């Protein structure tokens, strides 16, 4: 009987611990999908449904190996990119390094200097 109880307890703990990881993967996947589709409403809905703020998850979520801001630039998601920039603190944008380069330096070198999102980043960092 004790073995059964401890086995059930261990199984319950394993399931309980797996659910937050699965939920966070679903949130990340949903956010990345919303960014690639340039769908601000879907992004807001995902954040609202999971009671999450962009500033709290920005540094931990990667979309195809890129930060959410970098992914918005490469996906030409102007609406979502502008939303991300408005909701992030300037410090988070400044600390978003890609191979040791700032977002602006990366964008210049990668050919995204004329992106609308990069223009909004410039404005936000300027003041």
Protein backbone atom coordinates (compact mmCIF):
# COMPACT_ATOMS: atom_id res chain seq x y z
CA UNK A 1 0.00 0.00 0.00
CA UNK A 2 2.84 2.42 0.83
CA UNK A 3 4.50 1.69 -2.50
CA UNK A 4 1.26 2.50 -4.33
CA UNK A 5 0.81 5.76 -2.42
CA UNK A 6 4.39 6.87 -3.02
CA UNK A 7 4.12 5.89 -6.69
CA UNK A 8 0.89 7.88 -7.07
CA UNK A 9 2.44 10.84 -5.26
CA UNK A 10 5.49 10.72 -7.51
CA UNK A 11 3.28 10.53 -10.59
CA UNK A 12 1.20 13.47 -9.38
CA UNK A 13 4.31 15.57 -8.76
CA UNK A 14 5.69 14.67 -12.20
CA UNK A 15 2.44 15.69 -13.89
CA UNK A 16 2.16 18.88 -11.83
CA UNK A 17 5.71 19.88 -12.75
CA UNK A 18 5.24 19.06 -16.45
CA UNK A 19 2.14 21.23 -16.84
CA UNK A 20 3.83 24.62 -16.23
CA UNK A 21 6.60 23.71 -18.68
CA UNK A 22 4.03 22.65 -21.26
CA UNK A 23 2.00 25.81 -20.62
CA UNK A 24 5.05 28.04 -21.04
CA UNK A 25 5.92 26.26 -24.30
CA UNK A 26 2.37 26.85 -25.51
CA UNK A 27 2.58 30.53 -24.54
CA UNK A 28 5.92 30.92 -26.34
CA UNK A 29 4.63 29.15 -29.43
CA UNK A 30 1.47 31.28 -29.45
CA UNK A 31 3.44 34.51 -29.06
CA UNK A 32 5.82 33.57 -31.86
CA UNK A 33 2.90 32.64 -34.12
CA UNK A 34 1.21 35.97 -33.38
CA UNK A 35 4.43 37.82 -34.16
CA UNK A 36 4.96 36.01 -37.46
CA UNK A 37 1.35 36.76 -38.45
CA UNK A 38 1.71 40.41 -37.31
CA UNK A 39 -1.45 39.92 -35.24
CA UNK A 40 -1.52 42.33 -32.31
CA UNK A 41 -4.95 41.17 -31.17
CA UNK A 42 -3.84 37.54 -30.92
CA UNK A 43 -0.72 38.62 -29.04
CA UNK A 44 -2.81 40.63 -26.57
CA UNK A 45 -5.23 37.73 -26.13
CA UNK A 46 -2.46 35.25 -25.37
CA UNK A 47 -0.87 37.62 -22.86
CA UNK A 48 -4.22 38.37 -21.24
CA UNK A 49 -5.38 34.75 -21.07
CA UNK A 50 -2.19 33.69 -19.33
CA UNK A 51 -1.87 36.85 -17.20
CA UNK A 52 1.58 37.57 -18.60
CA UNK A 53 3.32 40.81 -19.51
CA UNK A 54 5.75 41.11 -22.40
CA UNK A 55 8.40 42.66 -20.18
CA UNK A 56 8.31 39.58 -17.94
CA UNK A 57 8.84 37.03 -20.72
CA UNK A 58 10.76 38.99 -23.34
CA UNK A 59 14.25 37.83 -22.38
CA UNK A 60 13.27 34.17 -22.04
CA UNK A 61 11.28 33.59 -25.24
CA UNK A 62 13.04 32.80 -28.51
CA UNK A 63 11.30 32.49 -31.86
CA UNK A 64 13.34 30.44 -34.32
CA UNK A 65 16.42 31.22 -32.20
CA UNK A 66 15.80 34.97 -32.29
CA UNK A 67 14.51 37.39 -29.68
CA UNK A 68 10.89 38.42 -30.11
CA UNK A 69 11.99 41.86 -31.35
CA UNK A 70 14.50 40.44 -33.81
CA UNK A 71 11.87 37.96 -35.01
CA UNK A 72 9.38 40.79 -35.54
CA UNK A 73 11.96 42.65 -37.63
CA UNK A 74 12.80 39.62 -39.80
CA UNK A 75 9.11 38.66 -40.17
CA UNK A 76 8.28 42.26 -41.17
CA UNK A 77 5.70 42.34 -38.39
CA UNK A 78 5.51 46.11 -38.11
CA UNK A 79 2.36 46.35 -35.96
CA UNK A 80 3.50 43.76 -33.42
CA UNK A 81 7.06 45.07 -33.46
CA UNK A 82 5.87 48.57 -32.59
CA UNK A 83 3.68 47.13 -29.83
CA UNK A 84 6.65 45.23 -28.37
CA UNK A 85 8.80 48.35 -28.39
CA UNK A 86 6.11 50.45 -26.69
CA UNK A 87 5.59 47.87 -23.93
CA UNK A 88 9.25 47.11 -23.24
CA UNK A 89 11.42 49.26 -21.02
CA UNK A 90 14.27 50.98 -22.89
CA UNK A 91 16.75 48.95 -20.87
CA UNK A 92 15.30 45.66 -22.20
CA UNK A 93 15.72 46.91 -25.76
CA UNK A 94 19.28 48.01 -25.07
CA UNK A 95 20.12 44.66 -23.45
CA UNK A 96 18.66 42.64 -26.35
CA UNK A 97 22.01 41.64 -27.80
CA UNK A 98 22.45 39.50 -30.90
CA UNK A 99 25.94 38.00 -31.07
CA UNK A 100 27.15 40.83 -28.82
CA UNK A 101 25.58 43.55 -31.01
CA UNK A 102 22.64 45.79 -30.24
CA UNK A 103 19.43 45.39 -32.21
CA UNK A 104 20.27 48.48 -34.25
CA UNK A 105 23.79 47.26 -35.09
CA UNK A 106 22.43 43.83 -36.00
CA UNK A 107 19.71 45.37 -38.19
CA UNK A 108 22.21 47.55 -40.04
CA UNK A 109 24.49 44.60 -40.78
CA UNK A 110 21.66 42.20 -41.66
CA UNK A 111 20.03 44.60 -44.12
CA UNK A 112 17.00 45.56 -42.02
CA UNK A 113 17.99 49.20 -41.43
CA UNK A 114 14.98 50.46 -43.41
CA UNK A 115 12.48 48.38 -41.42
CA UNK A 116 9.66 50.32 -39.79
CA UNK A 117 10.30 48.44 -36.55
CA UNK A 118 13.96 49.48 -36.56
CA UNK A 119 12.83 53.09 -37.05
CA UNK A 120 10.63 52.82 -33.95
CA UNK A 121 13.55 51.30 -32.02
CA UNK A 122 15.71 54.27 -33.03
CA UNK A 123 13.05 56.72 -31.85
CA UNK A 124 12.55 54.91 -28.55
CA UNK A 125 16.26 54.70 -27.77
CA UNK A 126 16.80 58.35 -28.74
CA UNK A 127 14.51 59.65 -26.11
